[in-house]
């Protein structure tokens, strides 16, 4: 009789656990649906400012779906609940990165137009000079003019990227422009920094 009682008690515990797991099926499905919606809404922002984190979150959501498919509803529910917090934290980090990039763009866009203008003025003056200054030949002048054209086009592309909303690409392109423009200015003897142009809002 004692063994029978123990068996019934064990069966009751198992049944209760199965019932509890079954009760979590609906909440787990709803929570994962909410995760999918949150990820879809966050995707455009995270693709630009936190692409690696987006991949990690997407993988975690797929893993939680797998747990749901296996009938591990409680595990799936817990994973979904944790994912909600991670998505919010990642979005906050992405917003902070966007602000940093905007600050970098405003700084670059405030300085580069003036630098390019100074280089253009220097080359225009040299083109009308006879003879050319010591160390400058017709070939080096032509090369500098070609470089200026390339740098100017690159700056136009950076500006277009910014206007199109691709701030990370715009900043990266502008930083490359700055490096090349500084090198060109150095070759031309432009050591003094030009006055900053108005920042782009």
Protein backbone atom coordinates (compact mmCIF):
# COMPACT_ATOMS: atom_id res chain seq x y z
CA UNK A 1 0.00 0.00 0.00
CA UNK A 2 2.90 2.32 0.88
CA UNK A 3 4.53 1.68 -2.50
CA UNK A 4 1.24 2.36 -4.25
CA UNK A 5 0.86 5.64 -2.39
CA UNK A 6 4.39 6.68 -3.37
CA UNK A 7 3.67 5.78 -6.97
CA UNK A 8 0.49 7.83 -7.03
CA UNK A 9 2.32 10.78 -5.44
CA UNK A 10 5.12 10.58 -8.02
CA UNK A 11 2.58 10.42 -10.84
CA UNK A 12 0.84 13.45 -9.42
CA UNK A 13 4.09 15.42 -9.38
CA UNK A 14 4.85 14.47 -12.97
CA UNK A 15 1.32 15.32 -14.05
CA UNK A 16 1.53 18.68 -12.30
CA UNK A 17 4.84 19.45 -14.01
CA UNK A 18 3.42 18.49 -17.39
CA UNK A 19 0.35 20.61 -16.74
CA UNK A 20 2.51 23.58 -15.74
CA UNK A 21 4.64 23.17 -18.86
CA UNK A 22 1.52 22.94 -20.98
CA UNK A 23 0.15 26.11 -19.40
CA UNK A 24 3.29 27.93 -20.55
CA UNK A 25 2.73 27.07 -24.20
CA UNK A 26 0.40 29.97 -24.92
CA UNK A 27 2.45 32.58 -23.05
CA UNK A 28 5.63 31.32 -24.70
CA UNK A 29 4.13 31.58 -28.17
CA UNK A 30 2.83 35.08 -27.44
CA UNK A 31 6.16 36.19 -25.98
CA UNK A 32 8.10 34.90 -28.99
CA UNK A 33 5.66 36.59 -31.36
CA UNK A 34 6.32 39.82 -29.48
CA UNK A 35 10.08 39.23 -29.77
CA UNK A 36 9.75 38.78 -33.54
CA UNK A 37 7.79 42.04 -33.80
CA UNK A 38 10.32 43.90 -31.66
CA UNK A 39 13.23 42.59 -33.74
CA UNK A 40 11.49 43.54 -36.99
CA UNK A 41 10.91 47.07 -35.69
CA UNK A 42 14.48 47.39 -34.42
CA UNK A 43 16.15 45.86 -37.46
CA UNK A 44 16.70 49.06 -39.51
CA UNK A 45 18.37 50.79 -36.56
CA UNK A 46 20.42 47.77 -35.50
CA UNK A 47 21.56 46.96 -39.04
CA UNK A 48 23.37 50.31 -39.18
CA UNK A 49 24.55 50.77 -35.63
CA UNK A 50 24.74 47.28 -34.08
CA UNK A 51 24.86 44.65 -36.87
CA UNK A 52 26.73 42.05 -34.80
CA UNK A 53 24.31 42.38 -31.93
CA UNK A 54 21.39 42.05 -34.35
CA UNK A 55 22.82 38.74 -35.57
CA UNK A 56 23.18 37.53 -32.00
CA UNK A 57 19.62 38.52 -31.09
CA UNK A 58 18.24 36.89 -34.21
CA UNK A 59 20.09 33.67 -33.41
CA UNK A 60 18.80 33.70 -29.84
CA UNK A 61 15.23 34.17 -31.07
CA UNK A 62 15.62 31.23 -33.43
CA UNK A 63 16.98 29.10 -30.58
CA UNK A 64 13.99 30.02 -28.43
CA UNK A 65 11.68 29.03 -31.28
CA UNK A 66 13.48 25.70 -31.41
CA UNK A 67 12.82 25.14 -27.71
CA UNK A 68 9.15 25.90 -28.33
CA UNK A 69 9.06 23.38 -31.14
CA UNK A 70 10.55 20.74 -28.84
CA UNK A 71 7.81 21.34 -26.29
CA UNK A 72 10.13 23.08 -23.83
CA UNK A 73 7.63 25.86 -23.26
CA UNK A 74 9.01 27.11 -19.97
CA UNK A 75 12.52 27.45 -21.42
CA UNK A 76 11.13 29.17 -24.49
CA UNK A 77 9.15 31.60 -22.34
CA UNK A 78 12.18 32.45 -20.19
CA UNK A 79 14.32 32.98 -23.29
CA UNK A 80 11.71 35.26 -24.83
CA UNK A 81 11.45 37.33 -21.67
CA UNK A 82 15.24 37.72 -21.54
CA UNK A 83 15.32 38.70 -25.21
CA UNK A 84 12.95 41.58 -24.66
CA UNK A 85 15.38 43.14 -22.18
CA UNK A 86 18.34 42.50 -24.51
CA UNK A 87 16.58 44.12 -27.47
CA UNK A 88 15.84 47.24 -25.43
CA UNK A 89 19.44 47.44 -24.18
CA UNK A 90 20.82 46.96 -27.69
CA UNK A 91 18.56 49.68 -29.07
CA UNK A 92 19.78 52.05 -26.36
CA UNK A 93 23.40 51.27 -27.26
CA UNK A 94 22.65 51.78 -30.95
CA UNK A 95 21.09 55.16 -30.22
CA UNK A 96 24.20 56.18 -28.28
CA UNK A 97 26.42 55.13 -31.18
CA UNK A 98 24.24 57.12 -33.58
CA UNK A 99 24.71 60.22 -31.42
CA UNK A 100 28.49 59.71 -31.40
CA UNK A 101 28.58 59.36 -35.18
CA UNK A 102 26.41 62.45 -35.59
CA UNK A 103 28.85 64.41 -33.44
CA UNK A 104 31.75 63.12 -35.54
CA UNK A 105 29.94 64.09 -38.74
CA UNK A 106 29.18 67.58 -37.47
CA UNK A 107 32.83 68.05 -36.61
CA UNK A 108 34.09 66.79 -39.98
CA UNK A 109 31.50 68.67 -42.00
CA UNK A 110 32.43 71.81 -40.12
CA UNK A 111 36.12 71.54 -41.07
CA UNK A 112 36.47 69.74 -44.39
CA UNK A 113 34.76 72.26 -46.69
CA UNK A 114 37.13 74.97 -45.45
CA UNK A 115 40.15 72.71 -45.92
CA UNK A 116 39.10 71.79 -49.45
CA UNK A 117 38.48 75.44 -50.23
CA UNK A 118 41.96 76.35 -48.99
CA UNK A 119 43.55 73.63 -51.14
CA UNK A 120 41.57 74.77 -54.17
CA UNK A 121 42.70 78.35 -53.64
CA UNK A 122 46.32 77.27 -53.26
CA UNK A 123 46.26 75.21 -56.46
CA UNK A 124 44.49 77.97 -58.38
CA UNK A 125 47.21 80.39 -57.33
CA UNK A 126 49.99 77.97 -58.27
CA UNK A 127 48.46 77.35 -61.68
CA UNK A 128 48.98 81.01 -62.54
CA UNK A 129 52.49 81.23 -61.13
CA UNK A 130 55.58 81.35 -63.36
CA UNK A 131 57.98 80.01 -62.48
CA UNK A 132 56.56 77.51 -59.99
CA UNK A 133 57.89 77.57 -56.43
CA UNK A 134 60.97 75.54 -55.60
CA UNK A 135 60.14 71.85 -55.33
CA UNK A 136 57.01 72.18 -57.47
CA UNK A 137 56.96 71.03 -61.08
CA UNK A 138 54.24 70.98 -63.70
CA UNK A 139 53.85 67.26 -63.09
CA UNK A 140 53.50 67.54 -59.32
CA UNK A 141 51.04 70.39 -59.77
CA UNK A 142 48.95 68.30 -62.17
CA UNK A 143 49.07 65.36 -59.75
CA UNK A 144 47.89 67.60 -56.91
CA UNK A 145 45.03 68.89 -59.06
CA UNK A 146 44.02 65.31 -59.86
CA UNK A 147 44.13 64.40 -56.19
CA UNK A 148 41.99 67.38 -55.31
CA UNK A 149 39.37 66.30 -57.84
CA UNK A 150 39.31 62.79 -56.36
CA UNK A 151 39.06 64.07 -52.79
CA UNK A 152 36.30 66.51 -53.75
CA UNK A 153 34.27 63.72 -55.35
CA UNK A 154 34.76 61.57 -52.26
CA UNK A 155 33.47 64.40 -50.09
CA UNK A 156 30.40 64.72 -52.32
CA UNK A 157 29.80 60.98 -51.90
CA UNK A 158 30.13 61.28 -48.13
CA UNK A 159 27.63 64.12 -48.12
CA UNK A 160 25.22 62.10 -50.26
CA UNK A 161 25.51 59.17 -47.85
CA UNK A 162 24.67 61.45 -44.94
CA UNK A 163 21.71 62.95 -46.74
CA UNK A 164 20.53 59.41 -47.51
CA UNK A 165 20.57 58.55 -43.82
CA UNK A 166 23.63 56.27 -43.89
CA UNK A 167 25.53 58.08 -41.16
CA UNK A 168 28.12 55.32 -40.46
CA UNK A 169 29.13 55.24 -44.13
CA UNK A 170 29.15 59.03 -44.32
CA UNK A 171 31.46 59.36 -41.32
CA UNK A 172 33.81 56.65 -42.57
CA UNK A 173 34.02 58.30 -45.99
CA UNK A 174 34.54 61.75 -44.44
CA UNK A 175 37.36 60.45 -42.26
CA UNK A 176 39.05 59.07 -45.38
CA UNK A 177 38.58 62.44 -47.07
CA UNK A 178 40.15 64.17 -44.08
CA UNK A 179 43.22 61.92 -44.21
CA UNK A 180 43.72 62.46 -47.92
CA UNK A 181 43.03 66.20 -47.77
CA UNK A 182 45.46 66.68 -44.88
CA UNK A 183 48.16 64.84 -46.85
CA UNK A 184 47.51 66.99 -49.91
CA UNK A 185 47.55 70.19 -47.85
CA UNK A 186 50.87 69.15 -46.36
CA UNK A 187 52.36 68.66 -49.81
CA UNK A 188 51.24 72.16 -50.74
CA UNK A 189 52.63 73.72 -47.58
CA UNK A 190 49.25 74.48 -46.06
CA UNK A 191 50.12 73.99 -42.42
CA UNK A 192 47.64 76.43 -40.88
CA UNK A 193 44.19 74.99 -40.32
CA UNK A 194 41.47 76.84 -42.27
CA UNK A 195 38.58 78.46 -40.46
CA UNK A 196 35.75 75.99 -39.76
CA UNK A 197 32.75 76.11 -42.07
CA UNK A 198 29.25 76.14 -40.52
CA UNK A 199 28.32 72.74 -39.10
CA UNK A 200 25.66 70.67 -40.85
CA UNK A 201 22.51 70.38 -38.78
